Amino acid sequence: MSIFGLHLTQIGSGDFLLDPSRSLNVRDMDRLIEEVTAHLMQVRAVRLYYDLSDLGLIDPLYYSWLDALARAAHIVNVEMICIRMQPTAAFALARFIEGPPAFKTALEIQDWQN
């Protein structure tokens, strides 16, 4: 499934990988979250892996997108795990985040599954 700026791929039974592209506009997060969660419900997803490998920096706006998506996914009974976070993104996130995020993290998909 493709949503402008996002590509959602099934990678296992109930597991999906969400790849954001550089054209992702997180300012339109309400519409994006509606589309992603509707699709996750339709396909009976269990886990959503969000690939952050191309994101060198997480600012407060992008964090609010990740947080809102993770919370919406949780409401439809889907666990969100951010994978491949760059050290620079993790450092930037640590500078302004005040509590635990709504999403889990792992280096790779295999790290979470083991």
PDB file of N, CA and C in Angstrom:
ATOM      1  N   MET A   1       0.837  -1.166   0.000  1.00  0.00           N
ATOM      2  CA  MET A   1       0.000   0.000   0.000  1.00  0.00           C
ATOM      3  C   MET A   1       0.887   1.235   0.000  1.00  0.00           C
ATOM      4  N   SER A   2       0.566   2.188  -0.819  1.00  0.00           N
ATOM      5  CA  SER A   2       1.305   3.442  -0.852  1.00  0.00           C
ATOM      6  C   SER A   2       0.378   4.609  -0.544  1.00  0.00           C
ATOM      7  N   ILE A   3       0.826   5.441   0.360  1.00  0.00           N
ATOM      8  CA  ILE A   3       0.195   6.708   0.678  1.00  0.00           C
ATOM      9  C   ILE A   3       1.270   7.728   0.351  1.00  0.00           C
ATOM     10  N   PHE A   4       0.907   8.860  -0.219  1.00  0.00           N
ATOM     11  CA  PHE A   4       1.927   9.815  -0.624  1.00  0.00           C
ATOM     12  C   PHE A   4       2.886  10.074   0.532  1.00  0.00           C
ATOM     13  N   GLY A   5       4.144   9.733   0.339  1.00  0.00           N
ATOM     14  CA  GLY A   5       5.175   9.918   1.352  1.00  0.00           C
ATOM     15  C   GLY A   5       5.443   8.692   2.199  1.00  0.00           C
ATOM     16  N   LEU A   6       4.610   7.654   2.068  1.00  0.00           N
ATOM     17  CA  LEU A   6       4.756   6.433   2.866  1.00  0.00           C
ATOM     18  C   LEU A   6       4.580   5.203   2.000  1.00  0.00           C
ATOM     19  N   HIS A   7       5.304   4.160   2.341  1.00  0.00           N
ATOM     20  CA  HIS A   7       5.112   2.880   1.668  1.00  0.00           C
ATOM     21  C   HIS A   7       4.962   1.813   2.750  1.00  0.00           C
ATOM     22  N   LEU A   8       3.845   1.093   2.723  1.00  0.00           N
ATOM     23  CA  LEU A   8       3.530   0.082   3.722  1.00  0.00           C
ATOM     24  C   LEU A   8       3.593  -1.291   3.072  1.00  0.00           C
ATOM     25  N   THR A   9       4.436  -2.165   3.625  1.00  0.00           N
ATOM     26  CA  THR A   9       4.670  -3.490   3.056  1.00  0.00           C
ATOM     27  C   THR A   9       4.461  -4.563   4.116  1.00  0.00           C
ATOM     28  N   GLN A  10       3.729  -5.611   3.761  1.00  0.00           N
ATOM     29  CA  GLN A  10       3.594  -6.737   4.677  1.00  0.00           C
ATOM     30  C   GLN A  10       4.879  -7.543   4.624  1.00  0.00           C
ATOM     31  N   ILE A  11       5.448  -7.839   5.807  1.00  0.00           N
ATOM     32  CA  ILE A  11       6.713  -8.572   5.863  1.00  0.00           C
ATOM     33  C   ILE A  11       6.587  -9.888   6.625  1.00  0.00           C
ATOM     34  N   GLY A  12       5.404 -10.201   7.073  1.00  0.00           N
ATOM     35  CA  GLY A  12       5.180 -11.444   7.806  1.00  0.00           C
ATOM     36  C   GLY A  12       3.720 -11.512   8.218  1.00  0.00           C
ATOM     37  N   SER A  13       3.384 -12.545   8.923  1.00  0.00           N
ATOM     38  CA  SER A  13       2.016 -12.708   9.378  1.00  0.00           C
ATOM     39  C   SER A  13       1.695 -11.659  10.440  1.00  0.00           C
ATOM     40  N   GLY A  14       0.980 -10.635  10.050  1.00  0.00           N
ATOM     41  CA  GLY A  14       0.622  -9.561  10.962  1.00  0.00           C
ATOM     42  C   GLY A  14       1.663  -8.474  11.112  1.00  0.00           C
ATOM     43  N   ASP A  15       2.815  -8.632  10.483  1.00  0.00           N
ATOM     44  CA  ASP A  15       3.902  -7.653  10.577  1.00  0.00           C
ATOM     45  C   ASP A  15       3.974  -6.809   9.314  1.00  0.00           C
ATOM     46  N   PHE A  16       4.121  -5.493   9.512  1.00  0.00           N
ATOM     47  CA  PHE A  16       4.193  -4.560   8.392  1.00  0.00           C
ATOM     48  C   PHE A  16       5.358  -3.608   8.594  1.00  0.00           C
ATOM     49  N   LEU A  17       5.961  -3.207   7.481  1.00  0.00           N
ATOM     50  CA  LEU A  17       7.063  -2.254   7.489  1.00  0.00           C
ATOM     51  C   LEU A  17       6.582  -0.971   6.837  1.00  0.00           C
ATOM     52  N   LEU A  18       6.762   0.141   7.551  1.00  0.00           N
ATOM     53  CA  LEU A  18       6.386   1.450   7.029  1.00  0.00           C
ATOM     54  C   LEU A  18       7.666   2.215   6.710  1.00  0.00           C
ATOM     55  N   ASP A  19       7.830   2.519   5.424  1.00  0.00           N
ATOM     56  CA  ASP A  19       8.990   3.274   4.951  1.00  0.00           C
ATOM     57  C   ASP A  19       8.555   4.676   4.562  1.00  0.00           C
ATOM     58  N   PRO A  20       8.986   5.688   5.307  1.00  0.00           N
ATOM     59  CA  PRO A  20       8.672   7.055   4.897  1.00  0.00           C
ATOM     60  C   PRO A  20       9.643   7.499   3.807  1.00  0.00           C
ATOM     61  N   SER A  21       9.179   8.328   2.908  1.00  0.00           N
ATOM     62  CA  SER A  21      10.079   8.896   1.899  1.00  0.00           C
ATOM     63  C   SER A  21      10.374  10.337   2.280  1.00  0.00           C
ATOM     64  N   ARG A  22      11.283  10.942   1.563  1.00  0.00           N
ATOM     65  CA  ARG A  22      11.637  12.338   1.835  1.00  0.00           C
ATOM     66  C   ARG A  22      10.469  13.275   1.539  1.00  0.00           C
ATOM     67  N   SER A  23       9.500  12.814   0.759  1.00  0.00           N
ATOM     68  CA  SER A  23       8.356  13.658   0.416  1.00  0.00           C
ATOM     69  C   SER A  23       7.243  13.617   1.475  1.00  0.00           C
ATOM     70  N   LEU A  24       7.445  12.869   2.555  1.00  0.00           N
ATOM     71  CA  LEU A  24       6.438  12.779   3.609  1.00  0.00           C
ATOM     72  C   LEU A  24       6.223  14.148   4.241  1.00  0.00           C
ATOM     73  N   ASN A  25       4.968  14.567   4.300  1.00  0.00           N
ATOM     74  CA  ASN A  25       4.605  15.837   4.924  1.00  0.00           C
ATOM     75  C   ASN A  25       3.860  15.526   6.220  1.00  0.00           C
ATOM     76  N   VAL A  26       4.566  15.571   7.343  1.00  0.00           N
ATOM     77  CA  VAL A  26       3.951  15.208   8.618  1.00  0.00           C
ATOM     78  C   VAL A  26       2.990  16.273   9.124  1.00  0.00           C
ATOM     79  N   ARG A  27       2.945  17.412   8.488  1.00  0.00           N
ATOM     80  CA  ARG A  27       1.968  18.441   8.875  1.00  0.00           C
ATOM     81  C   ARG A  27       0.544  17.982   8.543  1.00  0.00           C
ATOM     82  N   ASP A  28       0.436  16.983   7.672  1.00  0.00           N
ATOM     83  CA  ASP A  28      -0.859  16.417   7.293  1.00  0.00           C
ATOM     84  C   ASP A  28      -1.096  15.115   8.069  1.00  0.00           C
ATOM     85  N   MET A  29      -0.650  15.087   9.338  1.00  0.00           N
ATOM     86  CA  MET A  29      -0.637  13.837  10.096  1.00  0.00           C
ATOM     87  C   MET A  29      -2.019  13.249  10.343  1.00  0.00           C
ATOM     88  N   ASP A  30      -3.041  14.055  10.503  1.00  0.00           N
ATOM     89  CA  ASP A  30      -4.370  13.492  10.774  1.00  0.00           C
ATOM     90  C   ASP A  30      -4.834  12.594   9.629  1.00  0.00           C
ATOM     91  N   ARG A  31      -4.718  13.088   8.413  1.00  0.00           N
ATOM     92  CA  ARG A  31      -5.129  12.299   7.248  1.00  0.00           C
ATOM     93  C   ARG A  31      -4.251  11.058   7.109  1.00  0.00           C
ATOM     94  N   LEU A  32      -2.950  11.215   7.289  1.00  0.00           N
ATOM     95  CA  LEU A  32      -2.029  10.087   7.159  1.00  0.00           C
ATOM     96  C   LEU A  32      -2.336   9.004   8.198  1.00  0.00           C
ATOM     97  N   ILE A  33      -2.567   9.424   9.420  1.00  0.00           N
ATOM     98  CA  ILE A  33      -2.856   8.463  10.491  1.00  0.00           C
ATOM     99  C   ILE A  33      -4.162   7.728  10.212  1.00  0.00           C
ATOM    100  N   GLU A  34      -5.154   8.449   9.740  1.00  0.00           N
ATOM    101  CA  GLU A  34      -6.423   7.798   9.374  1.00  0.00           C
ATOM    102  C   GLU A  34      -6.212   6.720   8.322  1.00  0.00           C
ATOM    103  N   GLU A  35      -5.462   7.057   7.269  1.00  0.00           N
ATOM    104  CA  GLU A  35      -5.236   6.100   6.182  1.00  0.00           C
ATOM    105  C   GLU A  35      -4.421   4.902   6.645  1.00  0.00           C
ATOM    106  N   VAL A  36      -3.362   5.146   7.399  1.00  0.00           N
ATOM    107  CA  VAL A  36      -2.509   4.045   7.856  1.00  0.00           C
ATOM    108  C   VAL A  36      -3.278   3.132   8.805  1.00  0.00           C
ATOM    109  N   THR A  37      -3.952   3.698   9.800  1.00  0.00           N
ATOM    110  CA  THR A  37      -4.657   2.851  10.757  1.00  0.00           C
ATOM    111  C   THR A  37      -5.832   2.110  10.118  1.00  0.00           C
ATOM    112  N   ALA A  38      -6.506   2.745   9.176  1.00  0.00           N
ATOM    113  CA  ALA A  38      -7.597   2.048   8.473  1.00  0.00           C
ATOM    114  C   ALA A  38      -7.052   0.828   7.742  1.00  0.00           C
ATOM    115  N   HIS A  39      -5.897   0.987   7.093  1.00  0.00           N
ATOM    116  CA  HIS A  39      -5.308  -0.145   6.373  1.00  0.00           C
ATOM    117  C   HIS A  39      -4.836  -1.217   7.359  1.00  0.00           C
ATOM    118  N   LEU A  40      -4.217  -0.812   8.456  1.00  0.00           N
ATOM    119  CA  LEU A  40      -3.747  -1.782   9.450  1.00  0.00           C
ATOM    120  C   LEU A  40      -4.909  -2.605  10.008  1.00  0.00           C
ATOM    121  N   MET A  41      -6.032  -1.952  10.247  1.00  0.00           N
ATOM    122  CA  MET A  41      -7.213  -2.669  10.743  1.00  0.00           C
ATOM    123  C   MET A  41      -7.743  -3.629   9.686  1.00  0.00           C
ATOM    124  N   GLN A  42      -7.784  -3.180   8.444  1.00  0.00           N
ATOM    125  CA  GLN A  42      -8.317  -3.994   7.350  1.00  0.00           C
ATOM    126  C   GLN A  42      -7.515  -5.282   7.173  1.00  0.00           C
ATOM    127  N   VAL A  43      -6.201  -5.200   7.321  1.00  0.00           N
ATOM    128  CA  VAL A  43      -5.348  -6.373   7.101  1.00  0.00           C
ATOM    129  C   VAL A  43      -5.027  -7.119   8.393  1.00  0.00           C
ATOM    130  N   ARG A  44      -5.639  -6.686   9.495  1.00  0.00           N
ATOM    131  CA  ARG A  44      -5.461  -7.321  10.801  1.00  0.00           C
ATOM    132  C   ARG A  44      -3.988  -7.360  11.233  1.00  0.00           C
ATOM    133  N   ALA A  45      -3.353  -6.210  11.143  1.00  0.00           N
ATOM    134  CA  ALA A  45      -1.944  -6.094  11.528  1.00  0.00           C
ATOM    135  C   ALA A  45      -1.780  -6.273  13.032  1.00  0.00           C
ATOM    136  N   VAL A  46      -0.609  -6.744  13.411  1.00  0.00           N
ATOM    137  CA  VAL A  46      -0.252  -6.926  14.812  1.00  0.00           C
ATOM    138  C   VAL A  46       0.886  -5.969  15.187  1.00  0.00           C
ATOM    139  N   ARG A  47       1.871  -5.848  14.286  1.00  0.00           N
ATOM    140  CA  ARG A  47       3.031  -4.997  14.526  1.00  0.00           C
ATOM    141  C   ARG A  47       3.298  -4.116  13.319  1.00  0.00           C
ATOM    142  N   LEU A  48       3.738  -2.902  13.614  1.00  0.00           N
ATOM    143  CA  LEU A  48       4.129  -1.948  12.588  1.00  0.00           C
ATOM    144  C   LEU A  48       5.558  -1.514  12.868  1.00  0.00           C
ATOM    145  N   TYR A  49       6.463  -1.856  11.968  1.00  0.00           N
ATOM    146  CA  TYR A  49       7.853  -1.431  12.070  1.00  0.00           C
ATOM    147  C   TYR A  49       8.012  -0.161  11.250  1.00  0.00           C
ATOM    148  N   TYR A  50       8.504   0.893  11.869  1.00  0.00           N
ATOM    149  CA  TYR A  50       8.675   2.183  11.214  1.00  0.00           C
ATOM    150  C   TYR A  50      10.173   2.378  10.993  1.00  0.00           C
ATOM    151  N   ASP A  51      10.589   2.423   9.737  1.00  0.00           N
ATOM    152  CA  ASP A  51      12.005   2.525   9.375  1.00  0.00           C
ATOM    153  C   ASP A  51      12.469   3.977   9.420  1.00  0.00           C
ATOM    154  N   LEU A  52      13.384   4.268  10.336  1.00  0.00           N
ATOM    155  CA  LEU A  52      13.919   5.622  10.486  1.00  0.00           C
ATOM    156  C   LEU A  52      15.322   5.770   9.897  1.00  0.00           C
ATOM    157  N   SER A  53      15.759   4.831   9.084  1.00  0.00           N
ATOM    158  CA  SER A  53      17.139   4.840   8.602  1.00  0.00           C
ATOM    159  C   SER A  53      17.503   6.070   7.776  1.00  0.00           C
ATOM    160  N   ASP A  54      16.554   6.678   7.097  1.00  0.00           N
ATOM    161  CA  ASP A  54      16.855   7.851   6.273  1.00  0.00           C
ATOM    162  C   ASP A  54      16.645   9.171   7.001  1.00  0.00           C
ATOM    163  N   LEU A  55      16.331   9.103   8.285  1.00  0.00           N
ATOM    164  CA  LEU A  55      16.033  10.312   9.050  1.00  0.00           C
ATOM    165  C   LEU A  55      17.212  10.629   9.969  1.00  0.00           C
ATOM    166  N   GLY A  56      17.949  11.679   9.642  1.00  0.00           N
ATOM    167  CA  GLY A  56      19.118  12.044  10.438  1.00  0.00           C
ATOM    168  C   GLY A  56      18.791  12.857  11.669  1.00  0.00           C
ATOM    169  N   LEU A  57      17.584  13.405  11.739  1.00  0.00           N
ATOM    170  CA  LEU A  57      17.207  14.269  12.844  1.00  0.00           C
ATOM    171  C   LEU A  57      15.720  14.103  13.138  1.00  0.00           C
ATOM    172  N   ILE A  58      15.384  14.009  14.404  1.00  0.00           N
ATOM    173  CA  ILE A  58      13.974  14.003  14.816  1.00  0.00           C
ATOM    174  C   ILE A  58      13.733  15.310  15.566  1.00  0.00           C
ATOM    175  N   ASP A  59      12.893  16.158  14.989  1.00  0.00           N
ATOM    176  CA  ASP A  59      12.537  17.419  15.640  1.00  0.00           C
ATOM    177  C   ASP A  59      11.193  17.249  16.349  1.00  0.00           C
ATOM    178  N   PRO A  60      10.751  18.232  17.125  1.00  0.00           N
ATOM    179  CA  PRO A  60       9.490  18.085  17.850  1.00  0.00           C
ATOM    180  C   PRO A  60       8.286  17.794  16.947  1.00  0.00           C
ATOM    181  N   LEU A  61       8.237  18.377  15.747  1.00  0.00           N
ATOM    182  CA  LEU A  61       7.124  18.099  14.839  1.00  0.00           C
ATOM    183  C   LEU A  61       7.138  16.644  14.390  1.00  0.00           C
ATOM    184  N   TYR A  62       8.294  16.125  14.009  1.00  0.00           N
ATOM    185  CA  TYR A  62       8.366  14.728  13.564  1.00  0.00           C
ATOM    186  C   TYR A  62       8.076  13.789  14.734  1.00  0.00           C
ATOM    187  N   TYR A  63       8.553  14.157  15.926  1.00  0.00           N
ATOM    188  CA  TYR A  63       8.250  13.335  17.095  1.00  0.00           C
ATOM    189  C   TYR A  63       6.748  13.293  17.347  1.00  0.00           C
ATOM    190  N   SER A  64       6.073  14.424  17.202  1.00  0.00           N
ATOM    191  CA  SER A  64       4.622  14.422  17.438  1.00  0.00           C
ATOM    192  C   SER A  64       3.915  13.518  16.428  1.00  0.00           C
ATOM    193  N   TRP A  65       4.438  13.449  15.195  1.00  0.00           N
ATOM    194  CA  TRP A  65       3.909  12.535  14.183  1.00  0.00           C
ATOM    195  C   TRP A  65       4.103  11.085  14.623  1.00  0.00           C
ATOM    196  N   LEU A  66       5.332  10.736  15.036  1.00  0.00           N
ATOM    197  CA  LEU A  66       5.605   9.368  15.473  1.00  0.00           C
ATOM    198  C   LEU A  66       4.752   8.998  16.686  1.00  0.00           C
ATOM    199  N   ASP A  67       4.654   9.918  17.636  1.00  0.00           N
ATOM    200  CA  ASP A  67       3.893   9.670  18.846  1.00  0.00           C
ATOM    201  C   ASP A  67       2.404   9.477  18.535  1.00  0.00           C
ATOM    202  N   ALA A  68       1.845  10.341  17.696  1.00  0.00           N
ATOM    203  CA  ALA A  68       0.420  10.235  17.343  1.00  0.00           C
ATOM    204  C   ALA A  68       0.139   8.949  16.571  1.00  0.00           C
ATOM    205  N   LEU A  69       1.038   8.598  15.649  1.00  0.00           N
ATOM    206  CA  LEU A  69       0.860   7.357  14.887  1.00  0.00           C
ATOM    207  C   LEU A  69       0.928   6.149  15.820  1.00  0.00           C
ATOM    208  N   ALA A  70       1.884   6.133  16.733  1.00  0.00           N
ATOM    209  CA  ALA A  70       2.021   5.011  17.669  1.00  0.00           C
ATOM    210  C   ALA A  70       0.792   4.898  18.570  1.00  0.00           C
ATOM    211  N   ARG A  71       0.277   6.015  19.031  1.00  0.00           N
ATOM    212  CA  ARG A  71      -0.910   5.997  19.893  1.00  0.00           C
ATOM    213  C   ARG A  71      -2.139   5.509  19.119  1.00  0.00           C
ATOM    214  N   ALA A  72      -2.292   5.970  17.888  1.00  0.00           N
ATOM    215  CA  ALA A  72      -3.417   5.519  17.063  1.00  0.00           C
ATOM    216  C   ALA A  72      -3.290   4.030  16.766  1.00  0.00           C
ATOM    217  N   ALA A  73      -2.071   3.591  16.463  1.00  0.00           N
ATOM    218  CA  ALA A  73      -1.846   2.165  16.202  1.00  0.00           C
ATOM    219  C   ALA A  73      -2.199   1.344  17.447  1.00  0.00           C
ATOM    220  N   HIS A  74      -1.800   1.821  18.596  1.00  0.00           N
ATOM    221  CA  HIS A  74      -2.100   1.117  19.848  1.00  0.00           C
ATOM    222  C   HIS A  74      -3.608   0.986  20.055  1.00  0.00           C
ATOM    223  N   ILE A  75      -4.338   2.022  19.709  1.00  0.00           N
ATOM    224  CA  ILE A  75      -5.794   1.988  19.873  1.00  0.00           C
ATOM    225  C   ILE A  75      -6.429   0.908  19.005  1.00  0.00           C
ATOM    226  N   VAL A  76      -5.833   0.641  17.824  1.00  0.00           N
ATOM    227  CA  VAL A  76      -6.364  -0.417  16.956  1.00  0.00           C
ATOM    228  C   VAL A  76      -5.601  -1.726  17.169  1.00  0.00           C
ATOM    229  N   ASN A  77      -4.941  -1.822  18.337  1.00  0.00           N
ATOM    230  CA  ASN A  77      -4.259  -3.046  18.771  1.00  0.00           C
ATOM    231  C   ASN A  77      -3.066  -3.432  17.900  1.00  0.00           C
ATOM    232  N   VAL A  78      -2.313  -2.434  17.470  1.00  0.00           N
ATOM    233  CA  VAL A  78      -1.099  -2.658  16.682  1.00  0.00           C
ATOM    234  C   VAL A  78       0.061  -2.023  17.436  1.00  0.00           C
ATOM    235  N   GLU A  79       1.109  -2.795  17.645  1.00  0.00           N
ATOM    236  CA  GLU A  79       2.295  -2.294  18.327  1.00  0.00           C
ATOM    237  C   GLU A  79       3.234  -1.649  17.308  1.00  0.00           C
ATOM    238  N   MET A  80       3.750  -0.461  17.616  1.00  0.00           N
ATOM    239  CA  MET A  80       4.663   0.220  16.698  1.00  0.00           C
ATOM    240  C   MET A  80       6.076   0.195  17.260  1.00  0.00           C
ATOM    241  N   ILE A  81       7.004  -0.246  16.419  1.00  0.00           N
ATOM    242  CA  ILE A  81       8.407  -0.321  16.781  1.00  0.00           C
ATOM    243  C   ILE A  81       9.202   0.485  15.760  1.00  0.00           C
ATOM    244  N   CYS A  82       9.917   1.495  16.217  1.00  0.00           N
ATOM    245  CA  CYS A  82      10.787   2.268  15.324  1.00  0.00           C
ATOM    246  C   CYS A  82      12.121   1.550  15.234  1.00  0.00           C
ATOM    247  N   ILE A  83      12.566   1.314  14.016  1.00  0.00           N
ATOM    248  CA  ILE A  83      13.820   0.594  13.799  1.00  0.00           C
ATOM    249  C   ILE A  83      14.801   1.484  13.035  1.00  0.00           C
ATOM    250  N   ARG A  84      16.078   1.120  13.157  1.00  0.00           N
ATOM    251  CA  ARG A  84      17.170   1.755  12.407  1.00  0.00           C
ATOM    252  C   ARG A  84      17.298   3.264  12.678  1.00  0.00           C
ATOM    253  N   MET A  85      17.053   3.676  13.914  1.00  0.00           N
ATOM    254  CA  MET A  85      17.189   5.091  14.259  1.00  0.00           C
ATOM    255  C   MET A  85      18.669   5.471  14.234  1.00  0.00           C
ATOM    256  N   GLN A  86      18.971   6.551  13.553  1.00  0.00           N
ATOM    257  CA  GLN A  86      20.334   7.049  13.467  1.00  0.00           C
ATOM    258  C   GLN A  86      20.765   7.644  14.813  1.00  0.00           C
ATOM    259  N   PRO A  87      22.041   7.562  15.171  1.00  0.00           N
ATOM    260  CA  PRO A  87      22.500   8.151  16.442  1.00  0.00           C
ATOM    261  C   PRO A  87      22.185   9.643  16.552  1.00  0.00           C
ATOM    262  N   THR A  88      22.291  10.376  15.455  1.00  0.00           N
ATOM    263  CA  THR A  88      21.991  11.808  15.498  1.00  0.00           C
ATOM    264  C   THR A  88      20.511  12.050  15.805  1.00  0.00           C
ATOM    265  N   ALA A  89      19.654  11.208  15.259  1.00  0.00           N
ATOM    266  CA  ALA A  89      18.216  11.327  15.524  1.00  0.00           C
ATOM    267  C   ALA A  89      17.913  10.983  16.978  1.00  0.00           C
ATOM    268  N   ALA A  90      18.554   9.948  17.492  1.00  0.00           N
ATOM    269  CA  ALA A  90      18.350   9.553  18.889  1.00  0.00           C
ATOM    270  C   ALA A  90      18.822  10.664  19.829  1.00  0.00           C
ATOM    271  N   PHE A  91      19.948  11.282  19.520  1.00  0.00           N
ATOM    272  CA  PHE A  91      20.473  12.359  20.351  1.00  0.00           C
ATOM    273  C   PHE A  91      19.521  13.551  20.344  1.00  0.00           C
ATOM    274  N   ALA A  92      19.050  13.933  19.169  1.00  0.00           N
ATOM    275  CA  ALA A  92      18.125  15.062  19.071  1.00  0.00           C
ATOM    276  C   ALA A  92      16.836  14.769  19.833  1.00  0.00           C
ATOM    277  N   LEU A  93      16.326  13.553  19.698  1.00  0.00           N
ATOM    278  CA  LEU A  93      15.109  13.158  20.393  1.00  0.00           C
ATOM    279  C   LEU A  93      15.308  13.224  21.911  1.00  0.00           C
ATOM    280  N   ALA A  94      16.442  12.760  22.371  1.00  0.00           N
ATOM    281  CA  ALA A  94      16.729  12.757  23.809  1.00  0.00           C
ATOM    282  C   ALA A  94      16.813  14.170  24.384  1.00  0.00           C
ATOM    283  N   ARG A  95      17.098  15.149  23.563  1.00  0.00           N
ATOM    284  CA  ARG A  95      17.231  16.532  24.035  1.00  0.00           C
ATOM    285  C   ARG A  95      15.890  17.151  24.424  1.00  0.00           C
ATOM    286  N   PHE A  96      14.782  16.729  23.807  1.00  0.00           N
ATOM    287  CA  PHE A  96      13.511  17.389  24.114  1.00  0.00           C
ATOM    288  C   PHE A  96      12.413  16.462  24.626  1.00  0.00           C
ATOM    289  N   ILE A  97      12.569  15.175  24.504  1.00  0.00           N
ATOM    290  CA  ILE A  97      11.527  14.264  24.972  1.00  0.00           C
ATOM    291  C   ILE A  97      11.509  14.263  26.503  1.00  0.00           C
ATOM    292  N   GLU A  98      10.310  14.232  27.077  1.00  0.00           N
ATOM    293  CA  GLU A  98      10.200  14.335  28.524  1.00  0.00           C
ATOM    294  C   GLU A  98       9.703  13.065  29.204  1.00  0.00           C
ATOM    295  N   GLY A  99       9.265  12.102  28.458  1.00  0.00           N
ATOM    296  CA  GLY A  99       8.786  10.849  29.029  1.00  0.00           C
ATOM    297  C   GLY A  99       8.985   9.737  28.029  1.00  0.00           C
ATOM    298  N   PRO A 100       8.602   8.541  28.394  1.00  0.00           N
ATOM    299  CA  PRO A 100       8.760   7.438  27.449  1.00  0.00           C
ATOM    300  C   PRO A 100       7.870   7.640  26.225  1.00  0.00           C
ATOM    301  N   PRO A 101       8.376   7.346  25.046  1.00  0.00           N
ATOM    302  CA  PRO A 101       7.558   7.495  23.842  1.00  0.00           C
ATOM    303  C   PRO A 101       6.488   6.412  23.765  1.00  0.00           C
ATOM    304  N   ALA A 102       5.501   6.640  22.918  1.00  0.00           N
ATOM    305  CA  ALA A 102       4.411   5.673  22.731  1.00  0.00           C
ATOM    306  C   ALA A 102       4.852   4.479  21.895  1.00  0.00           C
ATOM    307  N   PHE A 103       6.022   4.564  21.299  1.00  0.00           N
ATOM    308  CA  PHE A 103       6.532   3.490  20.446  1.00  0.00           C
ATOM    309  C   PHE A 103       7.734   2.825  21.106  1.00  0.00           C
ATOM    310  N   LYS A 104       7.995   1.603  20.677  1.00  0.00           N
ATOM    311  CA  LYS A 104       9.186   0.872  21.102  1.00  0.00           C
ATOM    312  C   LYS A 104      10.293   1.144  20.081  1.00  0.00           C
ATOM    313  N   THR A 105      11.514   0.732  20.386  1.00  0.00           N
ATOM    314  CA  THR A 105      12.617   0.881  19.443  1.00  0.00           C
ATOM    315  C   THR A 105      13.419  -0.411  19.378  1.00  0.00           C
ATOM    316  N   ALA A 106      14.053  -0.621  18.236  1.00  0.00           N
ATOM    317  CA  ALA A 106      14.949  -1.754  18.032  1.00  0.00           C
ATOM    318  C   ALA A 106      15.923  -1.374  16.923  1.00  0.00           C
ATOM    319  N   LEU A 107      17.088  -1.982  16.924  1.00  0.00           N
ATOM    320  CA  LEU A 107      18.045  -1.695  15.854  1.00  0.00           C
ATOM    321  C   LEU A 107      17.521  -2.215  14.522  1.00  0.00           C
ATOM    322  N   GLU A 108      17.052  -3.441  14.519  1.00  0.00           N
ATOM    323  CA  GLU A 108      16.546  -4.088  13.305  1.00  0.00           C
ATOM    324  C   GLU A 108      15.296  -4.889  13.658  1.00  0.00           C
ATOM    325  N   ILE A 109      14.581  -5.315  12.654  1.00  0.00           N
ATOM    326  CA  ILE A 109      13.391  -6.139  12.868  1.00  0.00           C
ATOM    327  C   ILE A 109      13.743  -7.411  13.627  1.00  0.00           C
ATOM    328  N   GLN A 110      14.830  -8.035  13.233  1.00  0.00           N
ATOM    329  CA  GLN A 110      15.246  -9.295  13.869  1.00  0.00           C
ATOM    330  C   GLN A 110      15.534  -9.107  15.351  1.00  0.00           C
ATOM    331  N   ASP A 111      16.030  -7.929  15.750  1.00  0.00           N
ATOM    332  CA  ASP A 111      16.326  -7.673  17.155  1.00  0.00           C
ATOM    333  C   ASP A 111      15.060  -7.677  17.983  1.00  0.00           C
ATOM    334  N   TRP A 112      13.963  -7.215  17.418  1.00  0.00           N
ATOM    335  CA  TRP A 112      12.693  -7.175  18.145  1.00  0.00           C
ATOM    336  C   TRP A 112      12.065  -8.559  18.213  1.00  0.00           C
ATOM    337  N   GLN A 113      12.215  -9.322  17.158  1.00  0.00           N
ATOM    338  CA  GLN A 113      11.565 -10.634  17.081  1.00  0.00           C
ATOM    339  C   GLN A 113      12.245 -11.683  17.937  1.00  0.00           C
ATOM    340  N   ASN A 114      13.499 -11.481  18.301  1.00  0.00           N
ATOM    341  CA  ASN A 114      14.234 -12.475  19.102  1.00  0.00           C
ATOM    342  C   ASN A 114      14.010 -12.296  20.574  1.00  0.00           C
TER     343      ASN A 114
END
